[in-house]
Amino acid sequence: KSCNFPHSININYKKASFFRLLCLIPTGFPVRSVDMQRATDNITIRQGDTAIIRCYVDDKVSRVAWLNRSNIIFAGQDKWSLDPRVDLVTKGQLEYSLRIQKVDVYDEGSYTCSIQTKQQPKTSQVYLIVQVPPNIYKVSEDITVNEGSNVTLSCLASGRPDPAITWRLLNPSADPLDGEEYLDIIGIMRNQAGRYECKASNDVKSDVKYVNVVVNYPPTIKKTQSSETQVGRMGTLQCDATAVPTPEFEWYRDDKRLSNSQGINIQISGTTAILVIANVTEEDYGNYTCVAANRLGVQNASLFLYRPGTGRDINGSACVSQSLWLLLACFACLFFKC
């Protein structure tokens, strides 16, 4: 059967060439016409899913085909595409739909169901949109900085549509932070140390990565415990400090640095230092100095071992010494391991 286009139909060269090609397609396919709802529809599909692009026909159609851009996929029942993921869905004699399995980003684009009726050619176009879940492909490595430094954390992600990037400091409150691909922290403080969460999200799903930030700062003696002890009893002095890195402790009596010896035991656990005098004598009463130091600084505090009834405040806060000799001695012992 010949295939003639009415002179009143104005089609361009490409379309005319295609419809001449339709004339070569066997007419064995059931004769139907297309159900055209809109000129162009959009179908959104996630990467890896199966897309079915619908096309319905009726008894006015003589020939039908599927095209992707300018490439013919199916002409009637004949498959022109070499892609094994592509096939036809023909339920009964009413449907001529295209199925694409394991959809990928290169499948995105315009698909055309083209038909030839007894009167004129028609097309139904569908634009396939492929969504891709976010992938954080670059994030800052764990870092250690000194307090007061400026810090920039980066988090780069791909995806379709473009993912939105958000930041949180997970401890203690996990409140959102003001940042996108780059999170700037000006003059970082010790309470801003912790685990930072970068989250990339779009309409498909989310991807999450983490950055651990350690903030170094000099020691601060937070608590001291003096001792009211009778002669012949055990006296205990305690000193608690905070610092990163963990501080090193030393104990002094007047100008003399103390060490483990007969009658004296120094116990250090993390950020706590304890001085134990096993059998207190009259000569042991007086002022003791606890020194906490790391490579960023040093702080010291005075504690007292005293006779009962003298009325000293054994729970008082640290009394910070500004003695030049003591500061120099502490730094020297820290760096030269005396």
C-alpha atoms as a PDB file:
ATOM      1  CA  LYS A   1       0.000   0.000   0.000  1.00  0.00           C
ATOM      2  CA  SER A   2       1.400   3.441  -0.909  1.00  0.00           C
ATOM      3  CA  CYS A   3       1.960   6.167   1.659  1.00  0.00           C
ATOM      4  CA  ASN A   4       1.010   9.727   0.603  1.00  0.00           C
ATOM      5  CA  PHE A   5       1.165  12.850   2.755  1.00  0.00           C
ATOM      6  CA  PRO A   6      -1.579  15.462   2.229  1.00  0.00           C
ATOM      7  CA  HIS A   7      -0.211  18.637   0.646  1.00  0.00           C
ATOM      8  CA  SER A   8      -1.822  20.703   3.377  1.00  0.00           C
ATOM      9  CA  ILE A   9       0.471  19.208   6.052  1.00  0.00           C
ATOM     10  CA  ASN A  10       3.623  21.250   6.616  1.00  0.00           C
ATOM     11  CA  ILE A  11       6.434  18.997   7.963  1.00  0.00           C
ATOM     12  CA  ASN A  12      10.173  19.611   7.921  1.00  0.00           C
ATOM     13  CA  TYR A  13      12.743  17.560   6.042  1.00  0.00           C
ATOM     14  CA  LYS A  14      13.641  15.283   8.970  1.00  0.00           C
ATOM     15  CA  LYS A  15      10.024  14.444   9.679  1.00  0.00           C
ATOM     16  CA  ALA A  16       9.312  13.896   6.008  1.00  0.00           C
ATOM     17  CA  SER A  17      12.259  11.515   5.753  1.00  0.00           C
ATOM     18  CA  PHE A  18      11.088   9.602   8.785  1.00  0.00           C
ATOM     19  CA  PHE A  19       7.533   9.248   7.564  1.00  0.00           C
ATOM     20  CA  ARG A  20       8.847   8.018   4.208  1.00  0.00           C
ATOM     21  CA  LEU A  21      10.680   5.422   6.293  1.00  0.00           C
ATOM     22  CA  LEU A  22       7.400   4.502   7.940  1.00  0.00           C
ATOM     23  CA  CYS A  23       6.104   3.578   4.512  1.00  0.00           C
ATOM     24  CA  LEU A  24       8.679   0.755   4.450  1.00  0.00           C
ATOM     25  CA  ILE A  25       7.485  -0.700   7.788  1.00  0.00           C
ATOM     26  CA  PRO A  26       5.340  -3.819   7.424  1.00  0.00           C
ATOM     27  CA  THR A  27       1.694  -3.327   8.226  1.00  0.00           C
ATOM     28  CA  GLY A  28       1.429  -6.505  10.263  1.00  0.00           C
ATOM     29  CA  PHE A  29       1.179  -4.515  13.512  1.00  0.00           C
ATOM     30  CA  PRO A  30      -2.444  -4.003  14.666  1.00  0.00           C
ATOM     31  CA  VAL A  31      -3.947  -0.906  13.169  1.00  0.00           C
ATOM     32  CA  ARG A  32      -4.538   1.738  15.862  1.00  0.00           C
ATOM     33  CA  SER A  33      -4.113   5.510  16.328  1.00  0.00           C
ATOM     34  CA  VAL A  34      -2.204   7.258  19.103  1.00  0.00           C
ATOM     35  CA  ASP A  35      -3.837   8.636  22.250  1.00  0.00           C
ATOM     36  CA  MET A  36      -2.277  12.116  22.417  1.00  0.00           C
ATOM     37  CA  GLN A  37      -2.981  13.817  25.762  1.00  0.00           C
ATOM     38  CA  ARG A  38      -0.367  16.579  25.541  1.00  0.00           C
ATOM     39  CA  ALA A  39       2.241  17.613  23.022  1.00  0.00           C
ATOM     40  CA  THR A  40       5.099  16.727  25.403  1.00  0.00           C
ATOM     41  CA  ASP A  41       4.981  14.876  28.717  1.00  0.00           C
ATOM     42  CA  ASN A  42       7.745  14.479  31.278  1.00  0.00           C
ATOM     43  CA  ILE A  43       8.522  11.217  33.010  1.00  0.00           C
ATOM     44  CA  THR A  44      10.830  11.273  36.033  1.00  0.00           C
ATOM     45  CA  ILE A  45      12.644   8.046  36.894  1.00  0.00           C
ATOM     46  CA  ARG A  46      15.402   7.129  39.331  1.00  0.00           C
ATOM     47  CA  GLN A  47      18.699   5.785  38.087  1.00  0.00           C
ATOM     48  CA  GLY A  48      18.588   1.993  38.026  1.00  0.00           C
ATOM     49  CA  ASP A  49      14.789   1.725  37.880  1.00  0.00           C
ATOM     50  CA  THR A  50      12.667   0.590  34.910  1.00  0.00           C
ATOM     51  CA  ALA A  51      10.950   3.245  32.775  1.00  0.00           C
ATOM     52  CA  ILE A  52       7.844   2.509  30.710  1.00  0.00           C
ATOM     53  CA  ILE A  53       7.010   5.227  28.188  1.00  0.00           C
ATOM     54  CA  ARG A  54       3.366   4.772  27.237  1.00  0.00           C
ATOM     55  CA  CYS A  55       1.855   5.016  23.772  1.00  0.00           C
ATOM     56  CA  TYR A  56      -1.716   3.848  22.981  1.00  0.00           C
ATOM     57  CA  VAL A  57      -3.164   3.304  19.499  1.00  0.00           C
ATOM     58  CA  ASP A  58      -6.507   2.503  17.852  1.00  0.00           C
ATOM     59  CA  ASP A  59      -7.802   1.190  14.509  1.00  0.00           C
ATOM     60  CA  LYS A  60      -6.930   4.329  12.493  1.00  0.00           C
ATOM     61  CA  VAL A  61      -3.180   3.643  12.497  1.00  0.00           C
ATOM     62  CA  SER A  62      -1.398   1.986   9.621  1.00  0.00           C
ATOM     63  CA  ARG A  63       2.234   2.245  10.822  1.00  0.00           C
ATOM     64  CA  VAL A  64       3.989   3.111  14.127  1.00  0.00           C
ATOM     65  CA  ALA A  65       7.552   3.527  15.476  1.00  0.00           C
ATOM     66  CA  TRP A  66       9.607   4.719  18.455  1.00  0.00           C
ATOM     67  CA  LEU A  67      12.468   7.205  18.170  1.00  0.00           C
ATOM     68  CA  ASN A  68      14.996   8.600  20.641  1.00  0.00           C
ATOM     69  CA  ARG A  69      16.114  11.974  19.364  1.00  0.00           C
ATOM     70  CA  SER A  70      16.865  11.125  15.704  1.00  0.00           C
ATOM     71  CA  ASN A  71      17.560   7.421  16.288  1.00  0.00           C
ATOM     72  CA  ILE A  72      14.962   4.769  15.501  1.00  0.00           C
ATOM     73  CA  ILE A  73      14.452   2.286  18.365  1.00  0.00           C
ATOM     74  CA  PHE A  74      11.523   0.259  17.028  1.00  0.00           C
ATOM     75  CA  ALA A  75       9.778   0.327  13.668  1.00  0.00           C
ATOM     76  CA  GLY A  76       6.602  -1.627  14.119  1.00  0.00           C
ATOM     77  CA  GLN A  77       7.676  -4.857  15.817  1.00  0.00           C
ATOM     78  CA  ASP A  78      11.201  -4.684  14.353  1.00  0.00           C
ATOM     79  CA  LYS A  79      13.871  -3.657  16.864  1.00  0.00           C
ATOM     80  CA  TRP A  80      16.497  -1.316  15.434  1.00  0.00           C
ATOM     81  CA  SER A  81      18.271  -0.583  18.732  1.00  0.00           C
ATOM     82  CA  LEU A  82      21.103  -2.875  19.851  1.00  0.00           C
ATOM     83  CA  ASP A  83      20.498  -2.058  23.528  1.00  0.00           C
ATOM     84  CA  PRO A  84      19.367  -5.252  25.328  1.00  0.00           C
ATOM     85  CA  ARG A  85      17.691  -3.192  28.059  1.00  0.00           C
ATOM     86  CA  VAL A  86      15.050  -1.888  25.623  1.00  0.00           C
ATOM     87  CA  ASP A  87      11.904  -3.749  24.557  1.00  0.00           C
ATOM     88  CA  LEU A  88       8.218  -3.197  23.729  1.00  0.00           C
ATOM     89  CA  VAL A  89       5.208  -3.517  25.996  1.00  0.00           C
ATOM     90  CA  THR A  90       2.215  -4.536  23.830  1.00  0.00           C
ATOM     91  CA  LYS A  91      -0.670  -5.606  26.016  1.00  0.00           C
ATOM     92  CA  GLY A  92      -3.414  -6.668  23.638  1.00  0.00           C
ATOM     93  CA  GLN A  93      -3.763  -4.482  20.566  1.00  0.00           C
ATOM     94  CA  LEU A  94      -4.119  -1.138  22.331  1.00  0.00           C
ATOM     95  CA  GLU A  95      -0.626  -0.483  23.649  1.00  0.00           C
ATOM     96  CA  TYR A  96       2.670   0.251  21.921  1.00  0.00           C
ATOM     97  CA  SER A  97       4.842   1.308  24.883  1.00  0.00           C
ATOM     98  CA  LEU A  98       8.616   1.420  25.241  1.00  0.00           C
ATOM     99  CA  ARG A  99      10.318  -0.170  28.246  1.00  0.00           C
ATOM    100  CA  ILE A 100      13.872   0.704  29.349  1.00  0.00           C
ATOM    101  CA  GLN A 101      15.373  -1.362  32.167  1.00  0.00           C
ATOM    102  CA  LYS A 102      18.136  -0.182  34.507  1.00  0.00           C
ATOM    103  CA  VAL A 103      17.805   3.416  33.400  1.00  0.00           C
ATOM    104  CA  ASP A 104      20.995   5.490  33.426  1.00  0.00           C
ATOM    105  CA  VAL A 105      21.751   9.182  32.917  1.00  0.00           C
ATOM    106  CA  TYR A 106      22.559   8.738  29.215  1.00  0.00           C
ATOM    107  CA  ASP A 107      18.967   7.556  28.669  1.00  0.00           C
ATOM    108  CA  GLU A 108      17.665  11.020  29.506  1.00  0.00           C
ATOM    109  CA  GLY A 109      16.121  12.863  26.594  1.00  0.00           C
ATOM    110  CA  SER A 110      13.181  13.056  24.217  1.00  0.00           C
ATOM    111  CA  TYR A 111      11.325   9.926  23.061  1.00  0.00           C
ATOM    112  CA  THR A 112       8.813  10.055  20.224  1.00  0.00           C
ATOM    113  CA  CYS A 113       6.003   7.652  19.405  1.00  0.00           C
ATOM    114  CA  SER A 114       5.362   8.357  15.698  1.00  0.00           C
ATOM    115  CA  ILE A 115       2.402   6.999  13.770  1.00  0.00           C
ATOM    116  CA  GLN A 116       0.980   7.120  10.262  1.00  0.00           C
ATOM    117  CA  THR A 117      -2.787   7.339   9.948  1.00  0.00           C
ATOM    118  CA  LYS A 118      -4.886   7.295   6.808  1.00  0.00           C
ATOM    119  CA  GLN A 119      -5.056  11.088   6.879  1.00  0.00           C
ATOM    120  CA  GLN A 120      -1.840  12.467   8.421  1.00  0.00           C
ATOM    121  CA  PRO A 121       1.240  11.609  10.495  1.00  0.00           C
ATOM    122  CA  LYS A 122       1.144  12.237  14.251  1.00  0.00           C
ATOM    123  CA  THR A 123       3.688  12.183  17.069  1.00  0.00           C
ATOM    124  CA  SER A 124       3.507  11.907  20.839  1.00  0.00           C
ATOM    125  CA  GLN A 125       6.642  13.124  22.618  1.00  0.00           C
ATOM    126  CA  VAL A 126       7.814  12.243  26.111  1.00  0.00           C
ATOM    127  CA  TYR A 127      10.879  13.678  27.837  1.00  0.00           C
ATOM    128  CA  LEU A 128      12.577  11.208  30.181  1.00  0.00           C
ATOM    129  CA  ILE A 129      14.221  12.806  33.227  1.00  0.00           C
ATOM    130  CA  VAL A 130      16.680  10.598  35.115  1.00  0.00           C
ATOM    131  CA  GLN A 131      17.269  11.343  38.808  1.00  0.00           C
ATOM    132  CA  VAL A 132      20.539  10.280  40.450  1.00  0.00           C
ATOM    133  CA  PRO A 133      21.004   9.905  44.229  1.00  0.00           C
ATOM    134  CA  PRO A 134      23.599  12.157  45.859  1.00  0.00           C
ATOM    135  CA  ASN A 135      27.185  11.013  46.115  1.00  0.00           C
ATOM    136  CA  ILE A 136      29.627  12.882  48.350  1.00  0.00           C
ATOM    137  CA  TYR A 137      32.825  12.406  46.372  1.00  0.00           C
ATOM    138  CA  LYS A 138      35.100  14.733  48.338  1.00  0.00           C
ATOM    139  CA  VAL A 139      35.061  15.696  52.008  1.00  0.00           C
ATOM    140  CA  SER A 140      37.660  17.187  54.336  1.00  0.00           C
ATOM    141  CA  GLU A 141      39.881  14.795  56.239  1.00  0.00           C
ATOM    142  CA  ASP A 142      39.921  14.723  60.042  1.00  0.00           C
ATOM    143  CA  ILE A 143      41.952  17.682  61.329  1.00  0.00           C
ATOM    144  CA  THR A 144      43.635  18.960  64.487  1.00  0.00           C
ATOM    145  CA  VAL A 145      43.972  22.732  64.980  1.00  0.00           C
ATOM    146  CA  ASN A 146      44.878  25.162  67.740  1.00  0.00           C
ATOM    147  CA  GLU A 147      42.184  27.184  69.435  1.00  0.00           C
ATOM    148  CA  GLY A 148      41.655  30.510  67.669  1.00  0.00           C
ATOM    149  CA  SER A 149      42.557  29.204  64.208  1.00  0.00           C
ATOM    150  CA  ASN A 150      40.347  29.683  61.153  1.00  0.00           C
ATOM    151  CA  VAL A 151      38.985  26.417  59.779  1.00  0.00           C
ATOM    152  CA  THR A 152      37.285  25.591  56.463  1.00  0.00           C
ATOM    153  CA  LEU A 153      35.593  22.228  55.963  1.00  0.00           C
ATOM    154  CA  SER A 154      34.591  21.153  52.450  1.00  0.00           C
ATOM    155  CA  CYS A 155      31.950  18.719  51.225  1.00  0.00           C
ATOM    156  CA  LEU A 156      31.431  18.244  47.471  1.00  0.00           C
ATOM    157  CA  ALA A 157      28.621  16.097  46.083  1.00  0.00           C
ATOM    158  CA  SER A 158      27.071  15.117  42.757  1.00  0.00           C
ATOM    159  CA  GLY A 159      23.506  14.111  41.948  1.00  0.00           C
ATOM    160  CA  ARG A 160      20.457  14.931  39.808  1.00  0.00           C
ATOM    161  CA  PRO A 161      18.836  17.185  40.757  1.00  0.00           C
ATOM    162  CA  ASP A 162      21.756  18.981  42.388  1.00  0.00           C
ATOM    163  CA  PRO A 163      21.821  18.002  46.071  1.00  0.00           C
ATOM    164  CA  ALA A 164      21.438  20.489  48.910  1.00  0.00           C
ATOM    165  CA  ILE A 165      24.325  20.292  51.397  1.00  0.00           C
ATOM    166  CA  THR A 166      23.866  20.896  55.124  1.00  0.00           C
ATOM    167  CA  TRP A 167      26.239  20.759  58.104  1.00  0.00           C
ATOM    168  CA  ARG A 168      25.764  19.856  61.765  1.00  0.00           C
ATOM    169  CA  LEU A 169      28.075  19.626  64.776  1.00  0.00           C
ATOM    170  CA  LEU A 170      26.758  16.430  66.358  1.00  0.00           C
ATOM    171  CA  ASN A 171      27.802  17.257  69.894  1.00  0.00           C
ATOM    172  CA  PRO A 172      26.184  18.464  71.957  1.00  0.00           C
ATOM    173  CA  SER A 173      23.020  19.834  70.290  1.00  0.00           C
ATOM    174  CA  ALA A 174      23.368  18.811  66.600  1.00  0.00           C
ATOM    175  CA  ASP A 175      21.885  22.147  65.498  1.00  0.00           C
ATOM    176  CA  PRO A 176      22.223  23.056  61.774  1.00  0.00           C
ATOM    177  CA  LEU A 177      25.206  25.220  60.873  1.00  0.00           C
ATOM    178  CA  ASP A 178      25.409  28.015  58.323  1.00  0.00           C
ATOM    179  CA  GLY A 179      27.308  26.441  55.436  1.00  0.00           C
ATOM    180  CA  GLU A 180      26.894  24.619  52.132  1.00  0.00           C
ATOM    181  CA  GLU A 181      29.769  23.111  50.163  1.00  0.00           C
ATOM    182  CA  TYR A 182      32.176  24.987  52.426  1.00  0.00           C
ATOM    183  CA  LEU A 183      31.786  25.518  56.171  1.00  0.00           C
ATOM    184  CA  ASP A 184      33.888  28.400  57.522  1.00  0.00           C
ATOM    185  CA  ILE A 185      34.674  28.542  61.249  1.00  0.00           C
ATOM    186  CA  ILE A 186      36.386  31.783  62.235  1.00  0.00           C
ATOM    187  CA  GLY A 187      38.492  31.616  65.407  1.00  0.00           C
ATOM    188  CA  ILE A 188      37.455  28.109  66.411  1.00  0.00           C
ATOM    189  CA  MET A 189      36.897  27.530  70.129  1.00  0.00           C
ATOM    190  CA  ARG A 190      37.315  24.397  72.221  1.00  0.00           C
ATOM    191  CA  ASN A 191      33.530  23.918  72.464  1.00  0.00           C
ATOM    192  CA  GLN A 192      33.427  23.686  68.646  1.00  0.00           C
ATOM    193  CA  ALA A 193      35.515  20.513  68.602  1.00  0.00           C
ATOM    194  CA  GLY A 194      33.779  17.277  67.737  1.00  0.00           C
ATOM    195  CA  ARG A 195      32.221  15.306  64.899  1.00  0.00           C
ATOM    196  CA  TYR A 196      30.846  17.341  62.007  1.00  0.00           C
ATOM    197  CA  GLU A 197      28.191  15.815  59.737  1.00  0.00           C
ATOM    198  CA  CYS A 198      27.929  16.736  56.057  1.00  0.00           C
ATOM    199  CA  LYS A 199      24.630  15.655  54.475  1.00  0.00           C
ATOM    200  CA  ALA A 200      23.811  15.867  50.743  1.00  0.00           C
ATOM    201  CA  SER A 201      20.109  15.460  49.899  1.00  0.00           C
ATOM    202  CA  ASN A 202      17.899  15.600  46.817  1.00  0.00           C
ATOM    203  CA  ASP A 203      14.515  14.169  45.780  1.00  0.00           C
ATOM    204  CA  VAL A 204      15.991  10.656  45.552  1.00  0.00           C
ATOM    205  CA  LYS A 205      17.801  10.096  48.876  1.00  0.00           C
ATOM    206  CA  SER A 206      20.664  11.367  51.073  1.00  0.00           C
ATOM    207  CA  ASP A 207      24.373  10.702  51.500  1.00  0.00           C
ATOM    208  CA  VAL A 208      26.251  11.451  54.741  1.00  0.00           C
ATOM    209  CA  LYS A 209      29.944  11.843  55.591  1.00  0.00           C
ATOM    210  CA  TYR A 210      31.712  12.911  58.783  1.00  0.00           C
ATOM    211  CA  VAL A 211      34.735  15.034  59.722  1.00  0.00           C
ATOM    212  CA  ASN A 212      36.346  14.899  63.171  1.00  0.00           C
ATOM    213  CA  VAL A 213      37.819  18.184  64.396  1.00  0.00           C
ATOM    214  CA  VAL A 214      40.198  18.261  67.374  1.00  0.00           C
ATOM    215  CA  VAL A 215      40.913  21.664  68.953  1.00  0.00           C
ATOM    216  CA  ASN A 216      44.112  22.051  70.982  1.00  0.00           C
ATOM    217  CA  TYR A 217      44.143  24.495  73.902  1.00  0.00           C
ATOM    218  CA  PRO A 218      46.356  25.190  76.931  1.00  0.00           C
ATOM    219  CA  PRO A 219      45.607  23.793  80.405  1.00  0.00           C
ATOM    220  CA  THR A 220      43.047  25.267  82.735  1.00  0.00           C
ATOM    221  CA  ILE A 221      42.957  24.024  86.326  1.00  0.00           C
ATOM    222  CA  LYS A 222      39.271  23.621  87.098  1.00  0.00           C
ATOM    223  CA  LYS A 223      39.314  22.173  90.603  1.00  0.00           C
ATOM    224  CA  THR A 224      41.670  21.668  93.541  1.00  0.00           C
ATOM    225  CA  GLN A 225      41.237  19.722  96.774  1.00  0.00           C
ATOM    226  CA  SER A 226      43.380  20.646  99.758  1.00  0.00           C
ATOM    227  CA  SER A 227      43.641  18.407 102.844  1.00  0.00           C
ATOM    228  CA  GLU A 228      43.005  18.835 106.576  1.00  0.00           C
ATOM    229  CA  THR A 229      44.990  15.982 108.071  1.00  0.00           C
ATOM    230  CA  GLN A 230      46.234  15.026 111.560  1.00  0.00           C
ATOM    231  CA  VAL A 231      49.823  14.046 112.203  1.00  0.00           C
ATOM    232  CA  GLY A 232      50.343  10.358 111.481  1.00  0.00           C
ATOM    233  CA  ARG A 233      47.420  10.125 109.064  1.00  0.00           C
ATOM    234  CA  MET A 234      47.412   9.999 105.230  1.00  0.00           C
ATOM    235  CA  GLY A 235      47.021  13.340 103.458  1.00  0.00           C
ATOM    236  CA  THR A 236      45.675  13.656  99.910  1.00  0.00           C
ATOM    237  CA  LEU A 237      45.852  16.674  97.578  1.00  0.00           C
ATOM    238  CA  GLN A 238      43.992  16.617  94.251  1.00  0.00           C
ATOM    239  CA  CYS A 239      44.261  18.770  91.132  1.00  0.00           C
ATOM    240  CA  ASP A 240      41.922  18.565  88.070  1.00  0.00           C
ATOM    241  CA  ALA A 241      42.704  20.293  84.764  1.00  0.00           C
ATOM    242  CA  THR A 242      41.350  20.408  81.214  1.00  0.00           C
ATOM    243  CA  ALA A 243      43.585  20.647  78.157  1.00  0.00           C
ATOM    244  CA  VAL A 244      44.173  19.244  74.667  1.00  0.00           C
ATOM    245  CA  PRO A 245      46.615  17.581  74.319  1.00  0.00           C
ATOM    246  CA  THR A 246      46.238  15.972  77.754  1.00  0.00           C
ATOM    247  CA  PRO A 247      48.407  17.922  80.215  1.00  0.00           C
ATOM    248  CA  GLU A 248      51.438  16.670  82.061  1.00  0.00           C
ATOM    249  CA  PHE A 249      51.410  17.247  85.822  1.00  0.00           C
ATOM    250  CA  GLU A 250      54.104  18.121  88.346  1.00  0.00           C
ATOM    251  CA  TRP A 251      53.960  18.746  92.087  1.00  0.00           C
ATOM    252  CA  TYR A 252      56.143  21.254  93.993  1.00  0.00           C
ATOM    253  CA  ARG A 253      56.782  22.016  97.651  1.00  0.00           C
ATOM    254  CA  ASP A 254      58.277  25.484  97.858  1.00  0.00           C
ATOM    255  CA  ASP A 255      61.086  25.422  95.251  1.00  0.00           C
ATOM    256  CA  LYS A 256      61.465  21.652  95.236  1.00  0.00           C
ATOM    257  CA  ARG A 257      59.916  19.392  92.639  1.00  0.00           C
ATOM    258  CA  LEU A 258      58.365  16.297  94.195  1.00  0.00           C
ATOM    259  CA  SER A 259      58.612  12.748  92.910  1.00  0.00           C
ATOM    260  CA  ASN A 260      57.603   9.293  94.040  1.00  0.00           C
ATOM    261  CA  SER A 261      59.728   8.475  97.067  1.00  0.00           C
ATOM    262  CA  GLN A 262      59.386   7.021 100.530  1.00  0.00           C
ATOM    263  CA  GLY A 263      56.227   8.415 102.002  1.00  0.00           C
ATOM    264  CA  ILE A 264      55.116  10.281  98.805  1.00  0.00           C
ATOM    265  CA  ASN A 265      53.063   8.824  95.969  1.00  0.00           C
ATOM    266  CA  ILE A 266      52.044  10.805  92.874  1.00  0.00           C
ATOM    267  CA  GLN A 267      49.091   9.388  90.929  1.00  0.00           C
ATOM    268  CA  ILE A 268      48.170  10.782  87.495  1.00  0.00           C
ATOM    269  CA  SER A 269      45.075   9.630  85.589  1.00  0.00           C
ATOM    270  CA  GLY A 270      44.111  11.582  82.467  1.00  0.00           C
ATOM    271  CA  THR A 271      43.356  15.123  83.596  1.00  0.00           C
ATOM    272  CA  THR A 272      43.610  14.418  87.340  1.00  0.00           C
ATOM    273  CA  ALA A 273      46.746  14.458  89.508  1.00  0.00           C
ATOM    274  CA  ILE A 274      46.775  13.269  93.146  1.00  0.00           C
ATOM    275  CA  LEU A 275      49.548  13.756  95.673  1.00  0.00           C
ATOM    276  CA  VAL A 276      49.432  11.245  98.545  1.00  0.00           C
ATOM    277  CA  ILE A 277      51.501  11.699 101.709  1.00  0.00           C
ATOM    278  CA  ALA A 278      51.344   8.384 103.534  1.00  0.00           C
ATOM    279  CA  ASN A 279      52.274   9.539 107.064  1.00  0.00           C
ATOM    280  CA  VAL A 280      51.904  13.251 107.682  1.00  0.00           C
ATOM    281  CA  THR A 281      54.463  14.933 109.953  1.00  0.00           C
ATOM    282  CA  GLU A 282      54.755  18.496 111.235  1.00  0.00           C
ATOM    283  CA  GLU A 283      57.243  19.252 108.461  1.00  0.00           C
ATOM    284  CA  ASP A 284      54.705  18.259 105.769  1.00  0.00           C
ATOM    285  CA  TYR A 285      52.240  21.032 106.591  1.00  0.00           C
ATOM    286  CA  GLY A 286      52.231  23.990 104.227  1.00  0.00           C
ATOM    287  CA  ASN A 287      51.725  25.112 100.673  1.00  0.00           C
ATOM    288  CA  TYR A 288      51.947  22.761  97.651  1.00  0.00           C
ATOM    289  CA  THR A 289      51.778  23.668  93.980  1.00  0.00           C
ATOM    290  CA  CYS A 290      50.144  21.641  91.235  1.00  0.00           C
ATOM    291  CA  VAL A 291      51.398  22.408  87.714  1.00  0.00           C
ATOM    292  CA  ALA A 292      49.557  21.366  84.503  1.00  0.00           C
ATOM    293  CA  ALA A 293      51.356  21.929  81.195  1.00  0.00           C
ATOM    294  CA  ASN A 294      51.212  21.022  77.513  1.00  0.00           C
ATOM    295  CA  ARG A 295      52.938  22.470  74.465  1.00  0.00           C
ATOM    296  CA  LEU A 296      50.451  25.359  74.301  1.00  0.00           C
ATOM    297  CA  GLY A 297      50.830  26.637  77.839  1.00  0.00           C
ATOM    298  CA  VAL A 298      51.063  26.058  81.576  1.00  0.00           C
ATOM    299  CA  GLN A 299      48.923  26.794  84.630  1.00  0.00           C
ATOM    300  CA  ASN A 300      49.521  26.161  88.312  1.00  0.00           C
ATOM    301  CA  ALA A 301      47.507  26.292  91.510  1.00  0.00           C
ATOM    302  CA  SER A 302      48.255  26.369  95.234  1.00  0.00           C
ATOM    303  CA  LEU A 303      46.897  23.707  97.576  1.00  0.00           C
ATOM    304  CA  PHE A 304      47.352  23.301 101.344  1.00  0.00           C
ATOM    305  CA  LEU A 305      48.072  20.486 103.736  1.00  0.00           C
ATOM    306  CA  TYR A 306      47.216  21.844 107.218  1.00  0.00           C
ATOM    307  CA  ARG A 307      46.460  20.935 110.783  1.00  0.00           C
ATOM    308  CA  PRO A 308      42.835  20.433 111.776  1.00  0.00           C
ATOM    309  CA  GLY A 309      41.203  23.563 113.161  1.00  0.00           C
ATOM    310  CA  THR A 310      43.256  26.141 111.245  1.00  0.00           C
ATOM    311  CA  GLY A 311      40.169  27.004 109.156  1.00  0.00           C
ATOM    312  CA  ARG A 312      41.504  26.942 105.599  1.00  0.00           C
ATOM    313  CA  ASP A 313      39.028  26.436 102.716  1.00  0.00           C
ATOM    314  CA  ILE A 314      39.916  22.955 101.470  1.00  0.00           C
ATOM    315  CA  ASN A 315      37.453  23.154  98.571  1.00  0.00           C
ATOM    316  CA  GLY A 316      38.590  26.474  97.220  1.00  0.00           C
ATOM    317  CA  SER A 317      39.138  27.119  93.521  1.00  0.00           C
ATOM    318  CA  ALA A 318      42.610  27.110  92.035  1.00  0.00           C
ATOM    319  CA  CYS A 319      44.861  29.917  93.071  1.00  0.00           C
ATOM    320  CA  VAL A 320      46.890  30.638  89.956  1.00  0.00           C
ATOM    321  CA  SER A 321      50.522  31.424  90.574  1.00  0.00           C
ATOM    322  CA  GLN A 322      52.351  33.889  88.408  1.00  0.00           C
ATOM    323  CA  SER A 323      55.775  32.995  89.815  1.00  0.00           C
ATOM    324  CA  LEU A 324      58.293  33.388  87.024  1.00  0.00           C
ATOM    325  CA  TRP A 325      60.625  30.706  88.351  1.00  0.00           C
ATOM    326  CA  LEU A 326      57.834  28.184  88.517  1.00  0.00           C
ATOM    327  CA  LEU A 327      56.638  28.850  84.990  1.00  0.00           C
ATOM    328  CA  LEU A 328      60.161  28.516  83.646  1.00  0.00           C
ATOM    329  CA  ALA A 329      60.750  25.349  85.615  1.00  0.00           C
ATOM    330  CA  CYS A 330      57.536  23.804  84.321  1.00  0.00           C
ATOM    331  CA  PHE A 331      58.337  24.535  80.691  1.00  0.00           C
ATOM    332  CA  ALA A 332      61.867  23.221  81.119  1.00  0.00           C
ATOM    333  CA  CYS A 333      60.642  19.968  82.619  1.00  0.00           C
ATOM    334  CA  LEU A 334      57.993  19.570  79.961  1.00  0.00           C
ATOM    335  CA  PHE A 335      60.324  19.933  77.013  1.00  0.00           C
ATOM    336  CA  PHE A 336      63.481  18.377  78.487  1.00  0.00           C
ATOM    337  CA  LYS A 337      61.664  15.642  80.447  1.00  0.00           C
ATOM    338  CA  CYS A 338      63.536  16.379  83.670  1.00  0.00           C
END
